[in-house]
Structure formats: structure tokens, C-alpha cells
Amino acid sequence: MYDDMNEIHRADLTRGLRRRAADLVPNPQDFYVHAVVDGLLDQGVTHLADVRNMDALILSNTLAAPEDDEDTDEDDLDLAAAAALAALHLASAA
């Protein structure tokens, strides 16, 4: 049951974040969207409406694709996830 709900929340967050990111940055990449979603889920967020300063969170995590994304690897994912957590913490403290 928990895994099913977690996947539902993940899909909802991903869909909403991807939609909002497209309004803010050119060519939002799934790689970064998923890293931000993972950070939100780790913080217990299940709805985008629960996140204050969503636009700042999106912009601070550079969801725009790098020109050359062939060298994207796990280290980049770790950095994106860490940035997402830091931005979420700053947004919630505001």
C-alpha cells in the first residue's frame, strides 16, 4: 500500500513540477525534475501546493538542460538532489 501511494505522489509531483518548470525555464529535463521530486518526497511533501516558493525552488535547481548532457552521471544526480533539499529548506524557512 505504501509503495503504491508513494508512486502516486511521485507521479503527481513529477507531472506538476514538469508543467510548472516549463513556464520558467527552457527545456526542463526529466533528470532534474526527478531529483527535485525525490527531494520533496524525502521531506514528506506529497502535493506541490504544500511547497512555498515553488518558482524559486525550480529556478534554484537549474532545471534547464546543460548544453551537453552526455556526461550526466550519478554525481550530478546527487548534486541535484542536495540542491533540491537545500532549496526546499530555505523555501520552508521563509
C-alpha atoms as a PDB file:
ATOM      1  CA  MET A   1       0.000   0.000   0.000  1.00  0.00           C
ATOM      2  CA  TYR A   2       2.741   2.473   0.974  1.00  0.00           C
ATOM      3  CA  ASP A   3       4.680   1.882  -2.242  1.00  0.00           C
ATOM      4  CA  ASP A   4       1.534   2.371  -4.324  1.00  0.00           C
ATOM      5  CA  MET A   5       0.738   5.690  -2.620  1.00  0.00           C
ATOM      6  CA  ASN A   6       4.358   6.779  -2.895  1.00  0.00           C
ATOM      7  CA  GLU A   7       4.302   6.102  -6.637  1.00  0.00           C
ATOM      8  CA  ILE A   8       1.033   8.020  -6.990  1.00  0.00           C
ATOM      9  CA  HIS A   9       2.529  11.003  -5.139  1.00  0.00           C
ATOM     10  CA  ARG A  10       5.730  10.735  -7.211  1.00  0.00           C
ATOM     11  CA  ALA A  11       3.732  10.773 -10.463  1.00  0.00           C
ATOM     12  CA  ASP A  12       1.587  13.724  -9.341  1.00  0.00           C
ATOM     13  CA  LEU A  13       4.588  15.745  -8.173  1.00  0.00           C
ATOM     14  CA  THR A  14       6.530  14.964 -11.341  1.00  0.00           C
ATOM     15  CA  ARG A  15       3.652  15.941 -13.605  1.00  0.00           C
ATOM     16  CA  GLY A  16       3.002  19.199 -11.741  1.00  0.00           C
ATOM     17  CA  LEU A  17       6.651  20.149 -11.429  1.00  0.00           C
ATOM     18  CA  ARG A  18       7.344  19.440 -15.101  1.00  0.00           C
ATOM     19  CA  ARG A  19       4.354  21.587 -16.078  1.00  0.00           C
ATOM     20  CA  ARG A  20       5.440  24.492 -13.851  1.00  0.00           C
ATOM     21  CA  ALA A  21       9.106  24.218 -14.816  1.00  0.00           C
ATOM     22  CA  ALA A  22       8.238  24.571 -18.499  1.00  0.00           C
ATOM     23  CA  ASP A  23       6.811  28.019 -17.710  1.00  0.00           C
ATOM     24  CA  LEU A  24      10.025  29.139 -16.014  1.00  0.00           C
ATOM     25  CA  VAL A  25      12.994  27.612 -17.800  1.00  0.00           C
ATOM     26  CA  PRO A  26      13.605  26.493 -21.360  1.00  0.00           C
ATOM     27  CA  ASN A  27      13.701  22.745 -21.891  1.00  0.00           C
ATOM     28  CA  PRO A  28      13.298  21.368 -18.342  1.00  0.00           C
ATOM     29  CA  GLN A  29      14.998  17.988 -18.134  1.00  0.00           C
ATOM     30  CA  ASP A  30      13.437  14.933 -16.531  1.00  0.00           C
ATOM     31  CA  PHE A  31      16.743  14.234 -14.776  1.00  0.00           C
ATOM     32  CA  TYR A  32      16.479  17.408 -12.721  1.00  0.00           C
ATOM     33  CA  VAL A  33      12.718  17.178 -12.285  1.00  0.00           C
ATOM     34  CA  HIS A  34      13.082  13.702 -10.785  1.00  0.00           C
ATOM     35  CA  ALA A  35      15.871  14.864  -8.462  1.00  0.00           C
ATOM     36  CA  VAL A  36      13.663  17.678  -7.131  1.00  0.00           C
ATOM     37  CA  VAL A  37      10.701  15.300  -6.751  1.00  0.00           C
ATOM     38  CA  ASP A  38      12.871  12.842  -4.807  1.00  0.00           C
ATOM     39  CA  GLY A  39      13.961  15.661  -2.505  1.00  0.00           C
ATOM     40  CA  LEU A  40      10.357  16.720  -1.944  1.00  0.00           C
ATOM     41  CA  LEU A  41       9.248  13.157  -1.183  1.00  0.00           C
ATOM     42  CA  ASP A  42      12.152  12.726   1.247  1.00  0.00           C
ATOM     43  CA  GLN A  43      10.820  15.778   3.103  1.00  0.00           C
ATOM     44  CA  GLY A  44       7.327  14.279   3.242  1.00  0.00           C
ATOM     45  CA  VAL A  45       5.826  16.591   0.628  1.00  0.00           C
ATOM     46  CA  THR A  46       3.014  14.926  -1.317  1.00  0.00           C
ATOM     47  CA  HIS A  47       1.419  17.934  -3.056  1.00  0.00           C
ATOM     48  CA  LEU A  48       3.041  20.861  -4.833  1.00  0.00           C
ATOM     49  CA  ALA A  49       0.575  23.168  -3.102  1.00  0.00           C
ATOM     50  CA  ASP A  50       2.427  22.351   0.148  1.00  0.00           C
ATOM     51  CA  VAL A  51       5.655  23.915  -1.148  1.00  0.00           C
ATOM     52  CA  ARG A  52       6.070  27.628  -0.663  1.00  0.00           C
ATOM     53  CA  ASN A  53       8.128  29.491  -3.255  1.00  0.00           C
ATOM     54  CA  MET A  54       7.846  26.748  -5.881  1.00  0.00           C
ATOM     55  CA  ASP A  55       9.196  29.044  -8.588  1.00  0.00           C
ATOM     56  CA  ALA A  56      12.287  29.795  -6.503  1.00  0.00           C
ATOM     57  CA  LEU A  57      12.786  26.080  -5.884  1.00  0.00           C
ATOM     58  CA  ILE A  58      12.610  25.370  -9.602  1.00  0.00           C
ATOM     59  CA  LEU A  59      14.938  28.196 -10.579  1.00  0.00           C
ATOM     60  CA  SER A  60      17.463  27.448  -7.843  1.00  0.00           C
ATOM     61  CA  ASN A  61      17.787  23.865  -9.013  1.00  0.00           C
ATOM     62  CA  THR A  62      18.623  24.773 -12.607  1.00  0.00           C
ATOM     63  CA  LEU A  63      16.074  22.571 -14.288  1.00  0.00           C
ATOM     64  CA  ALA A  64      17.266  23.821 -17.666  1.00  0.00           C
ATOM     65  CA  ALA A  65      19.283  21.270 -19.571  1.00  0.00           C
ATOM     66  CA  PRO A  66      23.024  21.698 -19.892  1.00  0.00           C
ATOM     67  CA  GLU A  67      24.167  22.068 -23.493  1.00  0.00           C
ATOM     68  CA  ASP A  68      25.987  18.745 -23.336  1.00  0.00           C
ATOM     69  CA  ASP A  69      24.112  16.280 -21.225  1.00  0.00           C
ATOM     70  CA  GLU A  70      26.096  13.210 -22.339  1.00  0.00           C
ATOM     71  CA  ASP A  71      28.273  13.419 -19.227  1.00  0.00           C
ATOM     72  CA  THR A  72      25.322  13.293 -16.825  1.00  0.00           C
ATOM     73  CA  ASP A  73      26.021  10.679 -14.176  1.00  0.00           C
ATOM     74  CA  GLU A  74      25.172   9.701 -10.611  1.00  0.00           C
ATOM     75  CA  ASP A  75      27.292  12.515  -9.162  1.00  0.00           C
ATOM     76  CA  ASP A  76      25.123  15.030 -10.995  1.00  0.00           C
ATOM     77  CA  LEU A  77      22.010  13.369  -9.574  1.00  0.00           C
ATOM     78  CA  ASP A  78      23.447  13.571  -6.053  1.00  0.00           C
ATOM     79  CA  LEU A  79      24.230  17.268  -6.520  1.00  0.00           C
ATOM     80  CA  ALA A  80      20.777  17.994  -7.925  1.00  0.00           C
ATOM     81  CA  ALA A  81      19.112  16.144  -5.042  1.00  0.00           C
ATOM     82  CA  ALA A  82      21.239  18.010  -2.498  1.00  0.00           C
ATOM     83  CA  ALA A  83      20.381  21.324  -4.147  1.00  0.00           C
ATOM     84  CA  ALA A  84      16.692  20.423  -4.090  1.00  0.00           C
ATOM     85  CA  LEU A  85      16.818  19.674  -0.371  1.00  0.00           C
ATOM     86  CA  ALA A  86      18.694  22.890   0.373  1.00  0.00           C
ATOM     87  CA  ALA A  87      16.258  24.986  -1.660  1.00  0.00           C
ATOM     88  CA  LEU A  88      13.287  23.285  -0.023  1.00  0.00           C
ATOM     89  CA  HIS A  89      14.733  24.018   3.407  1.00  0.00           C
ATOM     90  CA  LEU A  90      15.292  27.675   2.510  1.00  0.00           C
ATOM     91  CA  ALA A  91      11.815  27.996   0.993  1.00  0.00           C
ATOM     92  CA  SER A  92      10.132  26.471   4.037  1.00  0.00           C
ATOM     93  CA  ALA A  93      12.109  28.681   6.415  1.00  0.00           C
ATOM     94  CA  ALA A  94      10.973  31.851   4.642  1.00  0.00           C
END
